[in-house]
Amino acid sequence: MDDPFPDMSLDDLVRRVRACTLCESVLPLGPRPVVQLSESSRILVVGQAPGRRVHETGVPFNDPSGDRLRQWMGVTREVFYDERKLAILPMGFCYPGKGTSGDLPPRPECAPAWRQRLLDWLPNIGLTLVIGQYAQAWHLPDSQSSVTENVRNWQRYWPDRVPMPHPSPRNNLWLRRNPWFESEVIPEVQRRVADLLAESTP
């Protein structure tokens, strides 16, 4: 689909995204799109959708999942929230509400409306962390049907993308059953993140 605003600046586009009300009628707490990006961003974090705490604060990954993700990446909060270094674009930008077992999936209207337009403004991304099944379905079009298989085959996408499980405490059992992820994949992720951040330092 052609972009109806081909001459729009990134700042204008982000303002439009943050003012989006496309899904307002089905969002239990109303719209509050949460994104972070800059043309200079070197690393892209792609999650599912903001949780309730993120909705309340407007700060992405401002929860225990974010604490674990920053640990996996080997970065501080200061670095993580520096948009010049790190972009954060979940598959759904607003909190979708609670389901029977955790949060509902990202709203399907969000990605077609905004995603490619925003990605086009990120020419310097050297690594994309692709977290969870919805992110992997979009960013790894040749991926397997399960998150576990995608993560197990992480080297297929390396070094520009890496499929990851969600860092939520709900995945503690998965991490115990798959210790190879933290022993084999995480050290490589940390090295790659450190290299990209070093390149971005003036």
N, C-alpha and C. Protein backbone atom coordinates (compact mmCIF):
# COMPACT_ATOMS: atom_id res chain seq x y z
N MET A 1 0.84 -1.19 0.00
CA MET A 1 0.00 0.00 0.00
C MET A 1 0.88 1.24 0.00
N ASP A 2 0.60 2.21 -0.90
CA ASP A 2 1.36 3.44 -0.96
C ASP A 2 1.16 4.25 0.30
N ASP A 3 2.25 4.91 0.73
CA ASP A 3 2.16 5.76 1.91
C ASP A 3 1.42 7.04 1.53
N PRO A 4 0.30 7.35 2.20
CA PRO A 4 -0.44 8.57 1.87
C PRO A 4 0.28 9.85 2.30
N PHE A 5 1.35 9.71 3.08
CA PHE A 5 2.11 10.87 3.56
C PHE A 5 3.59 10.69 3.22
N PRO A 6 3.93 10.66 1.92
CA PRO A 6 5.30 10.31 1.54
C PRO A 6 6.34 11.32 1.98
N ASP A 7 5.95 12.57 2.21
CA ASP A 7 6.91 13.61 2.58
C ASP A 7 6.92 13.91 4.07
N MET A 8 6.27 13.10 4.85
CA MET A 8 6.18 13.33 6.29
C MET A 8 7.53 13.04 6.96
N SER A 9 7.92 13.91 7.89
CA SER A 9 9.14 13.68 8.65
C SER A 9 8.91 12.58 9.68
N LEU A 10 9.99 12.05 10.23
CA LEU A 10 9.85 11.03 11.26
C LEU A 10 9.14 11.60 12.49
N ASP A 11 9.49 12.81 12.88
CA ASP A 11 8.82 13.42 14.04
C ASP A 11 7.32 13.52 13.83
N ASP A 12 6.92 13.93 12.63
CA ASP A 12 5.48 14.03 12.34
C ASP A 12 4.82 12.66 12.35
N LEU A 13 5.51 11.67 11.79
CA LEU A 13 4.97 10.32 11.77
C LEU A 13 4.79 9.78 13.18
N VAL A 14 5.78 9.96 14.03
CA VAL A 14 5.68 9.48 15.41
C VAL A 14 4.55 10.19 16.15
N ARG A 15 4.37 11.47 15.88
CA ARG A 15 3.25 12.19 16.50
C ARG A 15 1.91 11.59 16.06
N ARG A 16 1.81 11.25 14.79
CA ARG A 16 0.57 10.63 14.30
C ARG A 16 0.36 9.26 14.95
N VAL A 17 1.44 8.49 15.07
CA VAL A 17 1.34 7.18 15.71
C VAL A 17 0.85 7.33 17.15
N ARG A 18 1.44 8.25 17.88
CA ARG A 18 1.10 8.42 19.29
C ARG A 18 -0.30 8.99 19.49
N ALA A 19 -0.85 9.56 18.43
CA ALA A 19 -2.22 10.08 18.49
C ALA A 19 -3.24 9.12 17.88
N CYS A 20 -2.78 7.93 17.50
CA CYS A 20 -3.65 6.98 16.79
C CYS A 20 -4.80 6.51 17.69
N THR A 21 -6.00 6.45 17.09
CA THR A 21 -7.18 5.95 17.79
C THR A 21 -7.85 4.83 17.00
N LEU A 22 -7.09 4.18 16.13
CA LEU A 22 -7.63 3.18 15.22
C LEU A 22 -8.40 2.08 15.96
N CYS A 23 -7.89 1.66 17.10
CA CYS A 23 -8.50 0.54 17.84
C CYS A 23 -9.23 1.00 19.10
N GLU A 24 -9.51 2.26 19.20
CA GLU A 24 -10.04 2.83 20.44
C GLU A 24 -11.26 2.08 20.97
N SER A 25 -12.13 1.66 20.08
CA SER A 25 -13.39 1.05 20.53
C SER A 25 -13.21 -0.32 21.17
N VAL A 26 -12.05 -0.97 20.95
CA VAL A 26 -11.84 -2.32 21.49
C VAL A 26 -10.72 -2.39 22.52
N LEU A 27 -10.15 -1.25 22.87
CA LEU A 27 -9.07 -1.24 23.86
C LEU A 27 -9.67 -0.95 25.24
N PRO A 28 -9.49 -1.84 26.22
CA PRO A 28 -10.16 -1.68 27.51
C PRO A 28 -9.74 -0.44 28.28
N LEU A 29 -8.50 0.01 28.09
CA LEU A 29 -8.03 1.21 28.79
C LEU A 29 -7.85 2.38 27.84
N GLY A 30 -8.32 2.24 26.60
CA GLY A 30 -8.17 3.29 25.63
C GLY A 30 -6.80 3.25 24.96
N PRO A 31 -6.59 4.05 23.92
CA PRO A 31 -5.32 4.03 23.20
C PRO A 31 -4.23 4.79 23.95
N ARG A 32 -3.05 4.24 23.95
CA ARG A 32 -1.83 4.93 24.38
C ARG A 32 -0.65 4.26 23.68
N PRO A 33 -0.44 4.57 22.40
CA PRO A 33 0.65 3.94 21.66
C PRO A 33 2.01 4.23 22.31
N VAL A 34 2.81 3.18 22.47
CA VAL A 34 4.13 3.30 23.10
C VAL A 34 5.18 2.82 22.10
N VAL A 35 5.99 3.76 21.62
CA VAL A 35 7.07 3.44 20.69
C VAL A 35 8.29 4.28 21.05
N GLN A 36 9.45 3.82 20.55
CA GLN A 36 10.70 4.56 20.75
C GLN A 36 11.56 4.32 19.52
N LEU A 37 12.03 5.38 18.88
CA LEU A 37 12.91 5.19 17.72
C LEU A 37 13.55 6.50 17.31
N SER A 38 14.66 6.35 16.58
CA SER A 38 15.38 7.46 15.99
C SER A 38 16.04 6.93 14.72
N GLU A 39 16.29 7.81 13.78
CA GLU A 39 16.97 7.37 12.55
C GLU A 39 18.34 6.78 12.84
N SER A 40 18.94 7.15 13.96
CA SER A 40 20.28 6.66 14.29
C SER A 40 20.26 5.36 15.09
N SER A 41 19.08 4.86 15.46
CA SER A 41 19.00 3.64 16.28
C SER A 41 19.77 2.50 15.61
N ARG A 42 20.53 1.76 16.42
CA ARG A 42 21.35 0.65 15.91
C ARG A 42 20.73 -0.71 16.20
N ILE A 43 19.89 -0.77 17.24
CA ILE A 43 19.27 -2.03 17.66
C ILE A 43 17.77 -1.83 17.71
N LEU A 44 17.03 -2.82 17.23
CA LEU A 44 15.57 -2.77 17.24
C LEU A 44 15.03 -3.89 18.12
N VAL A 45 14.20 -3.55 19.07
CA VAL A 45 13.52 -4.52 19.93
C VAL A 45 12.08 -4.63 19.48
N VAL A 46 11.67 -5.83 19.09
CA VAL A 46 10.30 -6.06 18.63
C VAL A 46 9.63 -7.03 19.59
N GLY A 47 8.71 -6.52 20.39
CA GLY A 47 7.95 -7.36 21.30
C GLY A 47 6.54 -7.58 20.80
N GLN A 48 5.65 -7.92 21.70
CA GLN A 48 4.27 -8.23 21.34
C GLN A 48 3.40 -6.98 21.41
N ALA A 49 3.11 -6.53 22.63
CA ALA A 49 2.31 -5.33 22.86
C ALA A 49 2.56 -4.89 24.30
N PRO A 50 2.36 -3.62 24.60
CA PRO A 50 2.58 -3.16 25.98
C PRO A 50 1.67 -3.88 26.98
N GLY A 51 2.21 -4.12 28.16
CA GLY A 51 1.40 -4.62 29.26
C GLY A 51 0.72 -3.46 29.98
N ARG A 52 -0.06 -3.80 31.00
CA ARG A 52 -0.82 -2.75 31.71
C ARG A 52 0.11 -1.74 32.36
N ARG A 53 1.20 -2.20 32.95
CA ARG A 53 2.12 -1.27 33.62
C ARG A 53 2.76 -0.32 32.62
N VAL A 54 3.08 -0.84 31.44
CA VAL A 54 3.65 0.01 30.40
C VAL A 54 2.60 1.02 29.94
N HIS A 55 1.36 0.58 29.81
CA HIS A 55 0.29 1.50 29.44
C HIS A 55 0.18 2.64 30.45
N GLU A 56 0.29 2.30 31.72
CA GLU A 56 0.12 3.31 32.76
C GLU A 56 1.27 4.32 32.79
N THR A 57 2.48 3.86 32.48
CA THR A 57 3.65 4.74 32.57
C THR A 57 4.05 5.34 31.23
N GLY A 58 3.66 4.69 30.14
CA GLY A 58 4.09 5.15 28.83
C GLY A 58 5.54 4.81 28.52
N VAL A 59 6.16 3.97 29.34
CA VAL A 59 7.57 3.61 29.17
C VAL A 59 7.66 2.14 28.76
N PRO A 60 8.21 1.83 27.59
CA PRO A 60 8.24 0.44 27.12
C PRO A 60 9.12 -0.45 27.99
N PHE A 61 8.67 -1.67 28.18
CA PHE A 61 9.41 -2.67 28.97
C PHE A 61 9.75 -2.14 30.36
N ASN A 62 8.86 -1.37 30.93
CA ASN A 62 9.06 -0.83 32.28
C ASN A 62 8.42 -1.78 33.29
N ASP A 63 8.95 -3.01 33.32
CA ASP A 63 8.35 -4.08 34.13
C ASP A 63 9.38 -5.19 34.30
N PRO A 64 9.05 -6.27 35.02
CA PRO A 64 10.02 -7.35 35.20
C PRO A 64 10.50 -7.96 33.87
N SER A 65 9.64 -7.99 32.86
CA SER A 65 10.09 -8.48 31.55
C SER A 65 11.22 -7.61 31.02
N GLY A 66 11.08 -6.31 31.19
CA GLY A 66 12.13 -5.40 30.73
C GLY A 66 13.43 -5.58 31.50
N ASP A 67 13.32 -5.84 32.80
CA ASP A 67 14.53 -6.08 33.60
C ASP A 67 15.30 -7.28 33.06
N ARG A 68 14.56 -8.35 32.75
CA ARG A 68 15.23 -9.54 32.22
C ARG A 68 15.77 -9.28 30.82
N LEU A 69 15.02 -8.58 29.99
CA LEU A 69 15.49 -8.29 28.64
C LEU A 69 16.78 -7.47 28.67
N ARG A 70 16.84 -6.48 29.51
CA ARG A 70 18.08 -5.67 29.62
C ARG A 70 19.24 -6.52 30.11
N GLN A 71 18.95 -7.47 31.01
CA GLN A 71 19.99 -8.39 31.46
C GLN A 71 20.46 -9.26 30.30
N TRP A 72 19.53 -9.78 29.51
CA TRP A 72 19.91 -10.58 28.35
C TRP A 72 20.78 -9.78 27.38
N MET A 73 20.45 -8.51 27.20
CA MET A 73 21.19 -7.67 26.26
C MET A 73 22.51 -7.17 26.84
N GLY A 74 22.59 -7.14 28.15
CA GLY A 74 23.80 -6.61 28.79
C GLY A 74 23.86 -5.10 28.75
N VAL A 75 22.69 -4.44 28.89
CA VAL A 75 22.65 -2.98 28.83
C VAL A 75 21.97 -2.41 30.08
N THR A 76 22.26 -1.16 30.35
CA THR A 76 21.63 -0.46 31.46
C THR A 76 20.31 0.15 30.99
N ARG A 77 19.51 0.59 31.96
CA ARG A 77 18.27 1.30 31.61
C ARG A 77 18.59 2.56 30.81
N GLU A 78 19.66 3.24 31.17
CA GLU A 78 20.03 4.47 30.47
C GLU A 78 20.25 4.20 28.98
N VAL A 79 20.98 3.16 28.67
CA VAL A 79 21.24 2.80 27.27
C VAL A 79 19.95 2.33 26.60
N PHE A 80 19.20 1.50 27.30
CA PHE A 80 17.98 0.91 26.73
C PHE A 80 16.99 1.98 26.31
N TYR A 81 16.91 3.06 27.07
CA TYR A 81 15.93 4.11 26.78
C TYR A 81 16.53 5.29 26.00
N ASP A 82 17.70 5.07 25.42
CA ASP A 82 18.31 6.08 24.55
C ASP A 82 17.90 5.77 23.12
N GLU A 83 16.92 6.53 22.59
CA GLU A 83 16.39 6.23 21.27
C GLU A 83 17.43 6.39 20.17
N ARG A 84 18.50 7.13 20.43
CA ARG A 84 19.56 7.26 19.43
C ARG A 84 20.28 5.94 19.22
N LYS A 85 20.19 5.06 20.21
CA LYS A 85 20.87 3.77 20.14
C LYS A 85 19.91 2.61 19.93
N LEU A 86 18.71 2.72 20.49
CA LEU A 86 17.83 1.56 20.54
C LEU A 86 16.40 1.95 20.23
N ALA A 87 15.80 1.28 19.25
CA ALA A 87 14.40 1.49 18.89
C ALA A 87 13.55 0.36 19.48
N ILE A 88 12.33 0.69 19.86
CA ILE A 88 11.40 -0.28 20.42
C ILE A 88 10.07 -0.13 19.69
N LEU A 89 9.73 -1.16 18.90
CA LEU A 89 8.48 -1.14 18.12
C LEU A 89 7.75 -2.46 18.32
N PRO A 90 6.86 -2.56 19.30
CA PRO A 90 6.10 -3.80 19.47
C PRO A 90 5.16 -4.03 18.30
N MET A 91 4.65 -5.23 18.17
CA MET A 91 3.74 -5.53 17.07
C MET A 91 2.41 -4.80 17.21
N GLY A 92 2.01 -4.55 18.43
CA GLY A 92 0.85 -3.70 18.72
C GLY A 92 1.32 -2.60 19.65
N PHE A 93 0.97 -1.36 19.38
CA PHE A 93 1.51 -0.25 20.15
C PHE A 93 0.73 0.05 21.42
N CYS A 94 -0.47 -0.52 21.56
CA CYS A 94 -1.32 -0.24 22.72
C CYS A 94 -1.60 -1.52 23.52
N TYR A 95 -1.88 -1.33 24.80
CA TYR A 95 -2.25 -2.45 25.67
C TYR A 95 -3.56 -3.06 25.18
N PRO A 96 -3.57 -4.36 24.83
CA PRO A 96 -4.77 -4.96 24.24
C PRO A 96 -5.78 -5.49 25.24
N GLY A 97 -5.38 -5.57 26.51
CA GLY A 97 -6.29 -6.11 27.52
C GLY A 97 -5.90 -7.51 27.95
N LYS A 98 -6.60 -8.00 28.96
CA LYS A 98 -6.31 -9.32 29.53
C LYS A 98 -7.12 -10.41 28.84
N GLY A 99 -6.45 -11.56 28.65
CA GLY A 99 -7.13 -12.74 28.16
C GLY A 99 -7.24 -13.77 29.26
N THR A 100 -7.57 -15.00 28.90
CA THR A 100 -7.72 -16.06 29.90
C THR A 100 -6.39 -16.48 30.49
N SER A 101 -5.31 -16.35 29.71
CA SER A 101 -3.98 -16.72 30.22
C SER A 101 -2.98 -15.66 29.79
N GLY A 102 -2.98 -14.54 30.49
CA GLY A 102 -2.08 -13.45 30.15
C GLY A 102 -2.77 -12.41 29.28
N ASP A 103 -1.97 -11.50 28.75
CA ASP A 103 -2.52 -10.43 27.92
C ASP A 103 -3.01 -10.98 26.58
N LEU A 104 -3.96 -10.27 25.99
CA LEU A 104 -4.45 -10.62 24.66
C LEU A 104 -3.38 -10.38 23.61
N PRO A 105 -3.53 -10.96 22.42
CA PRO A 105 -2.55 -10.72 21.34
C PRO A 105 -2.56 -9.25 20.92
N PRO A 106 -1.50 -8.82 20.24
CA PRO A 106 -1.50 -7.45 19.69
C PRO A 106 -2.69 -7.25 18.76
N ARG A 107 -3.25 -6.06 18.75
CA ARG A 107 -4.34 -5.77 17.82
C ARG A 107 -3.85 -5.91 16.38
N PRO A 108 -4.62 -6.60 15.53
CA PRO A 108 -4.16 -6.85 14.16
C PRO A 108 -4.18 -5.62 13.27
N GLU A 109 -4.87 -4.56 13.69
CA GLU A 109 -4.94 -3.36 12.85
C GLU A 109 -3.65 -2.55 12.87
N CYS A 110 -2.86 -2.72 13.91
CA CYS A 110 -1.73 -1.82 14.16
C CYS A 110 -0.62 -1.97 13.12
N ALA A 111 -0.13 -3.18 12.93
CA ALA A 111 1.03 -3.38 12.04
C ALA A 111 0.76 -2.93 10.61
N PRO A 112 -0.37 -3.30 9.99
CA PRO A 112 -0.60 -2.83 8.61
C PRO A 112 -0.68 -1.31 8.49
N ALA A 113 -1.15 -0.66 9.53
CA ALA A 113 -1.33 0.79 9.47
C ALA A 113 -0.01 1.55 9.60
N TRP A 114 0.91 1.05 10.45
CA TRP A 114 2.06 1.87 10.81
C TRP A 114 3.42 1.22 10.63
N ARG A 115 3.47 -0.11 10.68
CA ARG A 115 4.77 -0.76 10.90
C ARG A 115 5.81 -0.46 9.82
N GLN A 116 5.46 -0.70 8.57
CA GLN A 116 6.46 -0.53 7.52
C GLN A 116 6.89 0.93 7.39
N ARG A 117 5.96 1.84 7.59
CA ARG A 117 6.32 3.27 7.53
C ARG A 117 7.41 3.60 8.55
N LEU A 118 7.26 3.06 9.76
CA LEU A 118 8.26 3.32 10.80
C LEU A 118 9.57 2.60 10.51
N LEU A 119 9.49 1.36 10.08
CA LEU A 119 10.71 0.60 9.78
C LEU A 119 11.53 1.28 8.68
N ASP A 120 10.85 1.92 7.75
CA ASP A 120 11.56 2.60 6.67
C ASP A 120 12.43 3.75 7.18
N TRP A 121 12.16 4.22 8.39
CA TRP A 121 12.95 5.29 8.99
C TRP A 121 14.11 4.75 9.82
N LEU A 122 14.37 3.47 9.76
CA LEU A 122 15.42 2.86 10.59
C LEU A 122 16.49 2.21 9.70
N PRO A 123 17.29 3.02 9.00
CA PRO A 123 18.26 2.45 8.06
C PRO A 123 19.52 1.89 8.70
N ASN A 124 19.74 2.18 9.98
CA ASN A 124 21.01 1.82 10.62
C ASN A 124 20.90 0.65 11.59
N ILE A 125 19.78 -0.05 11.57
CA ILE A 125 19.61 -1.19 12.49
C ILE A 125 20.56 -2.32 12.10
N GLY A 126 21.35 -2.76 13.08
CA GLY A 126 22.27 -3.86 12.85
C GLY A 126 21.83 -5.16 13.48
N LEU A 127 20.88 -5.07 14.42
CA LEU A 127 20.37 -6.27 15.08
C LEU A 127 18.93 -6.02 15.50
N THR A 128 18.06 -6.96 15.15
CA THR A 128 16.66 -6.91 15.58
C THR A 128 16.39 -8.08 16.51
N LEU A 129 15.96 -7.79 17.73
CA LEU A 129 15.55 -8.82 18.68
C LEU A 129 14.08 -9.10 18.42
N VAL A 130 13.77 -10.31 17.96
CA VAL A 130 12.42 -10.66 17.52
C VAL A 130 11.80 -11.55 18.59
N ILE A 131 10.95 -10.95 19.42
CA ILE A 131 10.51 -11.57 20.66
C ILE A 131 9.07 -12.08 20.54
N GLY A 132 8.91 -13.40 20.61
CA GLY A 132 7.58 -13.99 20.64
C GLY A 132 7.00 -14.29 19.26
N GLN A 133 5.88 -15.01 19.25
CA GLN A 133 5.35 -15.57 18.00
C GLN A 133 4.84 -14.52 17.03
N TYR A 134 4.21 -13.46 17.50
CA TYR A 134 3.65 -12.47 16.59
C TYR A 134 4.76 -11.67 15.91
N ALA A 135 5.77 -11.32 16.68
CA ALA A 135 6.92 -10.63 16.10
C ALA A 135 7.65 -11.52 15.10
N GLN A 136 7.78 -12.79 15.42
CA GLN A 136 8.49 -13.70 14.54
C GLN A 136 7.72 -13.96 13.25
N ALA A 137 6.40 -13.97 13.32
CA ALA A 137 5.60 -14.17 12.12
C ALA A 137 5.80 -13.02 11.13
N TRP A 138 6.01 -11.81 11.64
CA TRP A 138 6.21 -10.65 10.77
C TRP A 138 7.66 -10.53 10.30
N HIS A 139 8.60 -10.61 11.25
CA HIS A 139 9.99 -10.31 10.95
C HIS A 139 10.80 -11.52 10.48
N LEU A 140 10.26 -12.71 10.64
CA LEU A 140 10.92 -13.93 10.15
C LEU A 140 9.92 -14.68 9.28
N PRO A 141 9.65 -14.19 8.08
CA PRO A 141 8.58 -14.79 7.26
C PRO A 141 8.80 -16.25 6.89
N ASP A 142 10.06 -16.71 6.97
CA ASP A 142 10.34 -18.12 6.68
C ASP A 142 10.50 -18.93 7.95
N SER A 143 9.94 -18.41 9.06
CA SER A 143 10.15 -19.05 10.36
C SER A 143 9.32 -20.31 10.51
N GLN A 144 9.62 -21.04 11.58
CA GLN A 144 8.90 -22.26 11.92
C GLN A 144 7.60 -21.90 12.65
N SER A 145 6.84 -22.91 12.97
CA SER A 145 5.53 -22.66 13.59
C SER A 145 5.63 -22.37 15.08
N SER A 146 6.72 -22.74 15.73
CA SER A 146 6.82 -22.55 17.17
C SER A 146 7.98 -21.63 17.52
N VAL A 147 7.79 -20.89 18.60
CA VAL A 147 8.85 -20.01 19.08
C VAL A 147 10.09 -20.82 19.43
N THR A 148 9.90 -21.97 20.06
CA THR A 148 11.04 -22.79 20.45
C THR A 148 11.88 -23.18 19.25
N GLU A 149 11.23 -23.61 18.16
CA GLU A 149 11.99 -24.00 16.96
C GLU A 149 12.69 -22.80 16.34
N ASN A 150 12.02 -21.67 16.33
CA ASN A 150 12.67 -20.47 15.79
C ASN A 150 13.91 -20.11 16.59
N VAL A 151 13.77 -20.14 17.93
CA VAL A 151 14.90 -19.78 18.78
C VAL A 151 16.02 -20.81 18.64
N ARG A 152 15.64 -22.07 18.54
CA ARG A 152 16.66 -23.12 18.39
C ARG A 152 17.46 -22.94 17.10
N ASN A 153 16.81 -22.40 16.08
CA ASN A 153 17.47 -22.17 14.79
C ASN A 153 17.93 -20.72 14.63
N TRP A 154 18.31 -20.10 15.72
CA TRP A 154 18.65 -18.67 15.72
C TRP A 154 19.77 -18.34 14.75
N GLN A 155 20.71 -19.25 14.53
CA GLN A 155 21.85 -18.95 13.67
C GLN A 155 21.43 -18.75 12.21
N ARG A 156 20.24 -19.22 11.84
CA ARG A 156 19.74 -19.03 10.48
C ARG A 156 19.56 -17.55 10.18
N TYR A 157 19.26 -16.76 11.20
CA TYR A 157 18.95 -15.34 11.01
C TYR A 157 20.08 -14.42 11.44
N TRP A 158 21.06 -14.98 12.08
CA TRP A 158 22.17 -14.21 12.63
C TRP A 158 23.07 -13.70 11.52
N PRO A 159 23.67 -12.49 11.65
CA PRO A 159 23.74 -11.65 12.85
C PRO A 159 22.77 -10.46 12.85
N ASP A 160 21.91 -10.35 11.83
CA ASP A 160 21.06 -9.15 11.78
C ASP A 160 19.74 -9.30 12.52
N ARG A 161 19.32 -10.55 12.78
CA ARG A 161 18.09 -10.79 13.54
C ARG A 161 18.33 -11.97 14.48
N VAL A 162 17.63 -11.97 15.60
CA VAL A 162 17.70 -13.11 16.51
C VAL A 162 16.32 -13.35 17.13
N PRO A 163 15.72 -14.52 16.88
CA PRO A 163 14.45 -14.85 17.53
C PRO A 163 14.67 -15.17 19.00
N MET A 164 13.76 -14.67 19.85
CA MET A 164 13.90 -14.85 21.29
C MET A 164 12.55 -15.19 21.90
N PRO A 165 12.57 -15.91 23.03
CA PRO A 165 11.32 -16.08 23.78
C PRO A 165 11.00 -14.78 24.50
N HIS A 166 9.78 -14.65 24.96
CA HIS A 166 9.44 -13.46 25.72
C HIS A 166 10.13 -13.52 27.08
N PRO A 167 10.69 -12.40 27.55
CA PRO A 167 11.39 -12.41 28.84
C PRO A 167 10.48 -12.38 30.06
N SER A 168 9.20 -12.54 29.86
CA SER A 168 8.24 -12.50 30.96
C SER A 168 8.53 -13.58 32.00
N PRO A 169 8.27 -13.30 33.28
CA PRO A 169 8.37 -14.35 34.30
C PRO A 169 7.49 -15.56 33.98
N ARG A 170 6.46 -15.39 33.16
CA ARG A 170 5.63 -16.52 32.76
C ARG A 170 6.43 -17.56 31.97
N ASN A 171 7.59 -17.17 31.46
CA ASN A 171 8.41 -18.09 30.67
C ASN A 171 9.52 -18.73 31.49
N ASN A 172 9.47 -18.63 32.80
CA ASN A 172 10.51 -19.24 33.63
C ASN A 172 10.61 -20.74 33.38
N LEU A 173 9.48 -21.41 33.20
CA LEU A 173 9.51 -22.85 32.95
C LEU A 173 10.19 -23.14 31.62
N TRP A 174 9.90 -22.35 30.60
CA TRP A 174 10.54 -22.54 29.29
C TRP A 174 12.05 -22.39 29.42
N LEU A 175 12.50 -21.40 30.17
CA LEU A 175 13.92 -21.18 30.34
C LEU A 175 14.59 -22.32 31.09
N ARG A 176 13.88 -22.89 32.06
CA ARG A 176 14.44 -24.05 32.77
C ARG A 176 14.55 -25.26 31.85
N ARG A 177 13.58 -25.40 30.95
CA ARG A 177 13.57 -26.54 30.04
C ARG A 177 14.53 -26.36 28.87
N ASN A 178 14.93 -25.13 28.62
CA ASN A 178 15.81 -24.84 27.49
C ASN A 178 17.02 -24.02 27.95
N PRO A 179 17.85 -24.60 28.82
CA PRO A 179 18.97 -23.84 29.38
C PRO A 179 19.99 -23.40 28.33
N TRP A 180 20.00 -24.07 27.17
CA TRP A 180 20.93 -23.70 26.10
C TRP A 180 20.71 -22.26 25.63
N PHE A 181 19.49 -21.74 25.79
CA PHE A 181 19.24 -20.39 25.31
C PHE A 181 20.12 -19.38 26.05
N GLU A 182 20.13 -19.46 27.38
CA GLU A 182 20.90 -18.49 28.15
C GLU A 182 22.39 -18.81 28.15
N SER A 183 22.75 -20.07 27.91
CA SER A 183 24.17 -20.41 27.91
C SER A 183 24.82 -20.23 26.53
N GLU A 184 24.03 -20.38 25.45
CA GLU A 184 24.60 -20.32 24.10
C GLU A 184 24.23 -19.04 23.36
N VAL A 185 22.96 -18.67 23.42
CA VAL A 185 22.49 -17.55 22.60
C VAL A 185 22.78 -16.20 23.25
N ILE A 186 22.50 -16.09 24.53
CA ILE A 186 22.63 -14.80 25.21
C ILE A 186 24.05 -14.23 25.14
N PRO A 187 25.12 -15.03 25.34
CA PRO A 187 26.46 -14.44 25.20
C PRO A 187 26.72 -13.84 23.82
N GLU A 188 26.19 -14.49 22.78
CA GLU A 188 26.37 -13.96 21.42
C GLU A 188 25.57 -12.67 21.25
N VAL A 189 24.36 -12.63 21.79
CA VAL A 189 23.55 -11.42 21.72
C VAL A 189 24.27 -10.27 22.43
N GLN A 190 24.82 -10.53 23.60
CA GLN A 190 25.49 -9.48 24.35
C GLN A 190 26.71 -8.95 23.61
N ARG A 191 27.46 -9.84 22.97
CA ARG A 191 28.62 -9.40 22.20
C ARG A 191 28.19 -8.53 21.01
N ARG A 192 27.14 -8.98 20.31
CA ARG A 192 26.67 -8.23 19.15
C ARG A 192 26.12 -6.86 19.57
N VAL A 193 25.35 -6.82 20.65
CA VAL A 193 24.83 -5.56 21.16
C VAL A 193 25.97 -4.62 21.53
N ALA A 194 26.97 -5.13 22.23
CA ALA A 194 28.09 -4.30 22.65
C ALA A 194 28.83 -3.73 21.44
N ASP A 195 29.02 -4.54 20.42
CA ASP A 195 29.73 -4.09 19.21
C ASP A 195 28.95 -2.97 18.52
N LEU A 196 27.64 -3.14 18.39
CA LEU A 196 26.82 -2.14 17.71
C LEU A 196 26.78 -0.83 18.51
N LEU A 197 26.68 -0.95 19.82
CA LEU A 197 26.66 0.25 20.66
C LEU A 197 27.99 0.98 20.60
N ALA A 198 29.09 0.23 20.53
CA ALA A 198 30.41 0.85 20.41
C ALA A 198 30.54 1.61 19.10
N GLU A 199 29.96 1.06 18.03
CA GLU A 199 29.99 1.73 16.72
C GLU A 199 29.18 3.02 16.75
N SER A 200 28.14 3.06 17.59
CA SER A 200 27.26 4.23 17.61
C SER A 200 27.77 5.34 18.53
N THR A 201 28.83 5.06 19.29
CA THR A 201 29.36 6.06 20.21
C THR A 201 30.19 7.08 19.44
N PRO A 202 29.87 8.38 19.58
CA PRO A 202 30.59 9.42 18.85
C PRO A 202 32.07 9.39 19.19
